[in-house]
Amino acid sequence: MFTHTAGIPLGDIFERYPPKEEIPSLEESLSKKAILIQEPGLSFSYSNTGYNLLDLLIEEVTGRDFAEYMKEEVLIPLGMHNSSFTWSEEFDPAVPVGYDLKGNPVPVYIYPEKASDGLFANVEDIAAFAAAGMTNFSHTDHQVLNDQSINKLYTPMVEKIGIYGVVLKRYRFSVLPFWLICFNPCSHYRKGKTNKSIGTKNNLVINPYRVDLPLALFSLQNILPNK
C-alpha cells in the first residue's frame, strides 16, 4: 500500500464535508472504497484508499487516534508545530481562502479519511517535512527516519508507472530521482489527489539527494500544466 501497488482503487475524491458537519466514520467510508481491482504487486496505481487503510491499521495496532498518533510520533519530532490532521477554527494564522476557476471562494472542507487528505500545515512545516525525507539534511534533533529508511523510500518497486509517466513528462521531470508532493485543494495544504480538485493546489518538488538544490513550492488550480 505504501508503494501504490496493492491493487486498490484511487477512492472517491468528491466526497467532502464542511468541518462542522457530521461525517461518516473511517470504517464506514472504507467499507465502500477498499476493494481489490487488480492483483497486488502487478503495477503502480495511485491510491488514496490504500493510505487510508494504513490510517485504520495504525489506529487498530496502536489503539490511538490517527491524528494524535501522527502529532506525537511524526509532526512534533519533526518540529512541525503548526501542523495538524484535525481541523480547528483556532489555526493561527487562519487557513487562507481558496477559489475555483471562476474566481468564486471555496470554503474549507474535510474528508472522512485523514492519512491521504487530512494534513493542515504552513509553508515552514511543509519544508521541514520535505527535509526529513532527504539524506544528510535532516536536523539531528528533528529526525524520524534514518538514511537507510529514507533510501528505501526512493527504491523503485515497479519498472513502469503507466499513465503517471505522462504526468511526470508534462512536468518536465525527465531525470529521476525527484519527489513530488501535492498539497491541495480548497484553502489548505493536503497530501494526495488528482486534477479534479477545486480551490488551490500546492505542489512541492525536491530532489532527495541534492541538498544543494532549493525546494520548489508552487501553486496552481490543477495538478497538470496547461501546456
Protein backbone atom coordinates (compact mmCIF):
# COMPACT_ATOMS: atom_id res chain seq x y z
CA MET A 1 0.00 0.00 0.00
CA PHE A 2 2.91 2.35 0.69
CA THR A 3 4.07 1.94 -2.90
CA HIS A 4 0.62 2.19 -4.52
CA THR A 5 0.92 -1.35 -5.88
CA ALA A 6 -1.69 -3.09 -3.70
CA GLY A 7 -4.32 -3.23 -6.45
CA ILE A 8 -6.63 -0.86 -4.56
CA PRO A 9 -8.50 1.94 -6.41
CA LEU A 10 -7.98 5.68 -6.07
CA GLY A 11 -11.10 6.26 -4.00
CA ASP A 12 -13.89 8.81 -4.08
CA ILE A 13 -12.24 12.23 -4.39
CA PHE A 14 -15.54 14.11 -4.45
CA GLU A 15 -16.81 13.04 -1.03
CA ARG A 16 -16.04 16.09 1.12
CA TYR A 17 -17.74 17.83 4.01
CA PRO A 18 -17.75 21.19 5.83
CA PRO A 19 -15.65 20.93 9.02
CA LYS A 20 -18.65 21.26 11.35
CA GLU A 21 -20.87 18.78 9.50
CA GLU A 22 -21.29 15.21 10.68
CA ILE A 23 -19.20 12.90 8.51
CA PRO A 24 -19.01 9.10 8.09
CA SER A 25 -16.53 7.21 10.21
CA LEU A 26 -13.32 5.94 8.66
CA GLU A 27 -14.64 2.39 8.77
CA GLU A 28 -17.89 3.40 7.03
CA SER A 29 -16.01 5.22 4.32
CA LEU A 30 -13.54 2.42 3.67
CA SER A 31 -16.28 -0.23 3.56
CA LYS A 32 -17.34 1.26 0.22
CA LYS A 33 -13.89 2.04 -1.20
CA ALA A 34 -11.47 -0.66 -0.02
CA ILE A 35 -11.91 -3.20 -2.80
CA LEU A 36 -9.41 -5.10 -4.90
CA ILE A 37 -9.40 -4.14 -8.59
CA GLN A 38 -6.26 -5.95 -9.70
CA GLU A 39 -3.65 -8.39 -8.46
CA PRO A 40 -1.45 -6.85 -5.72
CA GLY A 41 2.08 -6.08 -6.86
CA LEU A 42 1.17 -6.20 -10.54
CA SER A 43 1.59 -2.50 -11.32
CA PHE A 44 1.57 1.04 -9.92
CA SER A 45 -1.80 2.72 -9.49
CA TYR A 46 -2.11 5.77 -7.27
CA SER A 47 -4.45 5.02 -4.37
CA ASN A 48 -5.71 7.29 -1.62
CA THR A 49 -7.69 4.33 -0.30
CA GLY A 50 -4.52 2.36 0.31
CA TYR A 51 -3.11 5.06 2.55
CA ASN A 52 -6.44 5.38 4.34
CA LEU A 53 -6.32 1.67 5.10
CA LEU A 54 -2.95 2.36 6.70
CA ASP A 55 -4.72 5.08 8.72
CA LEU A 56 -7.11 2.44 10.05
CA LEU A 57 -4.27 -0.04 10.60
CA ILE A 58 -2.34 2.46 12.73
CA GLU A 59 -5.40 3.10 14.89
CA GLU A 60 -6.12 -0.61 15.38
CA VAL A 61 -2.50 -1.57 16.15
CA THR A 62 -1.70 1.36 18.46
CA GLY A 63 -5.12 1.90 19.98
CA ARG A 64 -4.64 5.64 19.36
CA ASP A 65 -6.42 8.16 17.20
CA PHE A 66 -4.54 8.64 13.91
CA ALA A 67 -4.32 12.44 14.26
CA GLU A 68 -2.99 12.15 17.80
CA TYR A 69 -0.52 9.43 16.82
CA MET A 70 0.84 11.47 13.92
CA LYS A 71 1.17 14.55 16.10
CA GLU A 72 3.16 12.77 18.79
CA GLU A 73 5.23 10.44 16.61
CA VAL A 74 5.82 12.49 13.45
CA LEU A 75 4.80 16.14 13.49
CA ILE A 76 6.27 17.20 16.85
CA PRO A 77 9.52 15.21 16.37
CA LEU A 78 9.96 16.99 13.01
CA GLY A 79 9.34 20.38 14.59
CA MET A 80 6.05 20.77 12.69
CA HIS A 81 4.28 22.60 15.49
CA ASN A 82 1.91 24.44 13.14
CA SER A 83 0.55 21.29 11.53
CA SER A 84 -2.40 19.08 12.40
CA PHE A 85 -4.56 16.31 10.98
CA THR A 86 -7.51 17.77 12.89
CA TRP A 87 -9.34 20.87 11.65
CA SER A 88 -9.58 23.76 14.12
CA GLU A 89 -11.08 27.23 13.94
CA GLU A 90 -8.19 28.36 16.12
CA PHE A 91 -5.48 27.85 13.47
CA ASP A 92 -3.12 30.82 13.63
CA PRO A 93 -2.66 32.12 11.05
CA ALA A 94 -6.10 31.22 9.77
CA VAL A 95 -6.46 28.91 6.78
CA PRO A 96 -6.45 31.04 3.60
CA VAL A 97 -9.42 31.03 1.26
CA GLY A 98 -9.23 29.02 -1.96
CA TYR A 99 -11.01 29.84 -5.23
CA ASP A 100 -12.43 27.87 -8.13
CA LEU A 101 -11.69 28.51 -11.79
CA LYS A 102 -14.45 31.14 -11.95
CA GLY A 103 -13.00 33.10 -9.05
CA ASN A 104 -15.61 32.02 -6.52
CA PRO A 105 -14.39 31.40 -2.96
CA VAL A 106 -14.26 27.77 -1.88
CA PRO A 107 -15.00 27.14 1.81
CA VAL A 108 -12.70 24.79 3.72
CA TYR A 109 -13.75 21.15 3.50
CA ILE A 110 -12.53 17.92 5.02
CA TYR A 111 -12.71 14.20 4.24
CA PRO A 112 -13.68 11.22 6.41
CA GLU A 113 -10.12 9.95 5.95
CA LYS A 114 -7.02 11.74 7.24
CA ALA A 115 -3.96 9.82 6.01
CA SER A 116 -4.30 10.80 2.35
CA ASP A 117 -6.11 14.12 2.66
CA GLY A 118 -6.15 15.48 6.16
CA LEU A 119 -2.99 17.46 6.88
CA PHE A 120 -3.19 21.19 7.57
CA ALA A 121 0.26 22.81 7.54
CA ASN A 122 2.03 26.09 6.84
CA VAL A 123 4.92 26.59 4.41
CA GLU A 124 7.65 26.27 7.04
CA ASP A 125 6.31 22.95 8.25
CA ILE A 126 5.96 21.62 4.72
CA ALA A 127 9.63 22.47 4.16
CA ALA A 128 10.53 20.62 7.39
CA PHE A 129 8.60 17.60 6.17
CA ALA A 130 10.45 17.64 2.86
CA ALA A 131 13.83 17.99 4.58
CA ALA A 132 13.04 14.94 6.72
CA GLY A 133 12.97 12.89 3.54
CA MET A 134 16.43 13.97 2.39
CA THR A 135 19.57 12.11 3.38
CA ASN A 136 22.28 14.07 5.23
CA PHE A 137 19.98 17.05 5.53
CA SER A 138 17.62 16.47 8.43
CA HIS A 139 18.39 18.18 11.72
CA THR A 140 19.69 15.57 14.14
CA ASP A 141 17.17 16.64 16.76
CA HIS A 142 14.28 16.54 14.27
CA GLN A 143 14.83 13.15 12.67
CA VAL A 144 12.15 10.48 12.27
CA LEU A 145 13.78 8.28 9.60
CA ASN A 146 17.42 7.27 9.32
CA ASP A 147 19.29 7.43 5.99
CA GLN A 148 18.72 3.73 5.31
CA SER A 149 14.96 4.11 5.65
CA ILE A 150 14.97 7.27 3.53
CA ASN A 151 16.82 5.46 0.75
CA LYS A 152 14.17 2.76 0.78
CA LEU A 153 11.56 5.43 0.06
CA TYR A 154 13.16 6.03 -3.33
CA THR A 155 13.77 2.42 -4.28
CA PRO A 156 11.57 1.61 -7.33
CA MET A 157 9.00 -1.12 -6.71
CA VAL A 158 7.79 -1.40 -10.32
CA GLU A 159 9.52 -0.76 -13.65
CA LYS A 160 6.64 1.11 -15.31
CA ILE A 161 4.14 3.53 -13.82
CA GLY A 162 1.73 3.74 -16.74
CA ILE A 163 -0.17 6.98 -17.28
CA TYR A 164 1.69 8.61 -14.41
CA GLY A 165 4.79 8.68 -16.59
CA VAL A 166 2.91 11.05 -18.92
CA VAL A 167 2.12 13.29 -15.97
CA LEU A 168 5.77 13.50 -14.99
CA LYS A 169 6.84 14.32 -18.54
CA ARG A 170 4.33 17.17 -18.64
CA TYR A 171 6.02 18.48 -15.53
CA ARG A 172 9.35 18.25 -17.40
CA PHE A 173 10.64 15.76 -14.81
CA SER A 174 12.66 13.52 -17.09
CA VAL A 175 15.52 12.87 -14.66
CA LEU A 176 14.95 10.84 -11.51
CA PRO A 177 15.05 10.79 -8.60
CA PHE A 178 12.75 13.54 -7.51
CA TRP A 179 9.89 13.84 -5.07
CA LEU A 180 6.60 15.49 -5.96
CA ILE A 181 4.15 16.14 -3.15
CA CYS A 182 0.74 17.65 -3.82
CA PHE A 183 -0.87 19.65 -1.06
CA ASN A 184 -4.38 20.55 -2.17
CA PRO A 185 -7.08 21.86 -2.51
CA CYS A 186 -9.54 24.48 -1.31
CA SER A 187 -7.82 26.60 1.22
CA HIS A 188 -5.42 24.27 2.92
CA TYR A 189 -2.43 22.11 2.11
CA ARG A 190 -3.06 18.40 1.92
CA LYS A 191 -1.28 15.42 0.51
CA GLY A 192 -2.69 13.49 -2.41
CA LYS A 193 -5.42 13.87 -5.06
CA THR A 194 -5.86 14.35 -8.75
CA ASN A 195 -6.63 17.26 -11.05
CA LYS A 196 -10.31 17.10 -10.12
CA SER A 197 -9.86 19.24 -7.02
CA ILE A 198 -11.14 22.74 -6.52
CA GLY A 199 -9.66 25.71 -4.70
CA THR A 200 -5.88 25.74 -4.77
CA LYS A 201 -3.24 23.08 -5.13
CA ASN A 202 0.29 23.48 -3.82
CA ASN A 203 2.97 21.23 -5.21
CA LEU A 204 6.32 20.66 -3.54
CA VAL A 205 9.16 19.32 -5.65
CA ILE A 206 12.56 18.24 -4.31
CA ASN A 207 15.46 16.04 -5.30
CA PRO A 208 16.14 14.00 -2.15
CA TYR A 209 19.83 13.51 -2.97
CA ARG A 210 20.67 17.08 -3.98
CA VAL A 211 20.69 19.19 -0.84
CA ASP A 212 22.27 22.00 -2.87
CA LEU A 213 19.09 22.39 -4.90
CA PRO A 214 16.31 24.59 -3.48
CA LEU A 215 12.85 23.30 -2.68
CA ALA A 216 10.23 24.34 -5.21
CA LEU A 217 6.76 25.12 -3.88
CA PHE A 218 4.28 26.41 -6.42
CA SER A 219 0.51 26.86 -6.53
CA LEU A 220 -1.96 26.16 -9.28
CA GLN A 221 -5.58 25.21 -9.75
CA ASN A 222 -4.98 21.82 -11.34
CA ILE A 223 -2.15 19.35 -10.99
CA LEU A 224 -1.45 19.20 -14.72
CA PRO A 225 0.09 22.17 -16.55
CA ASN A 226 -1.96 23.56 -19.45
CA LYS A 227 0.91 23.05 -21.90
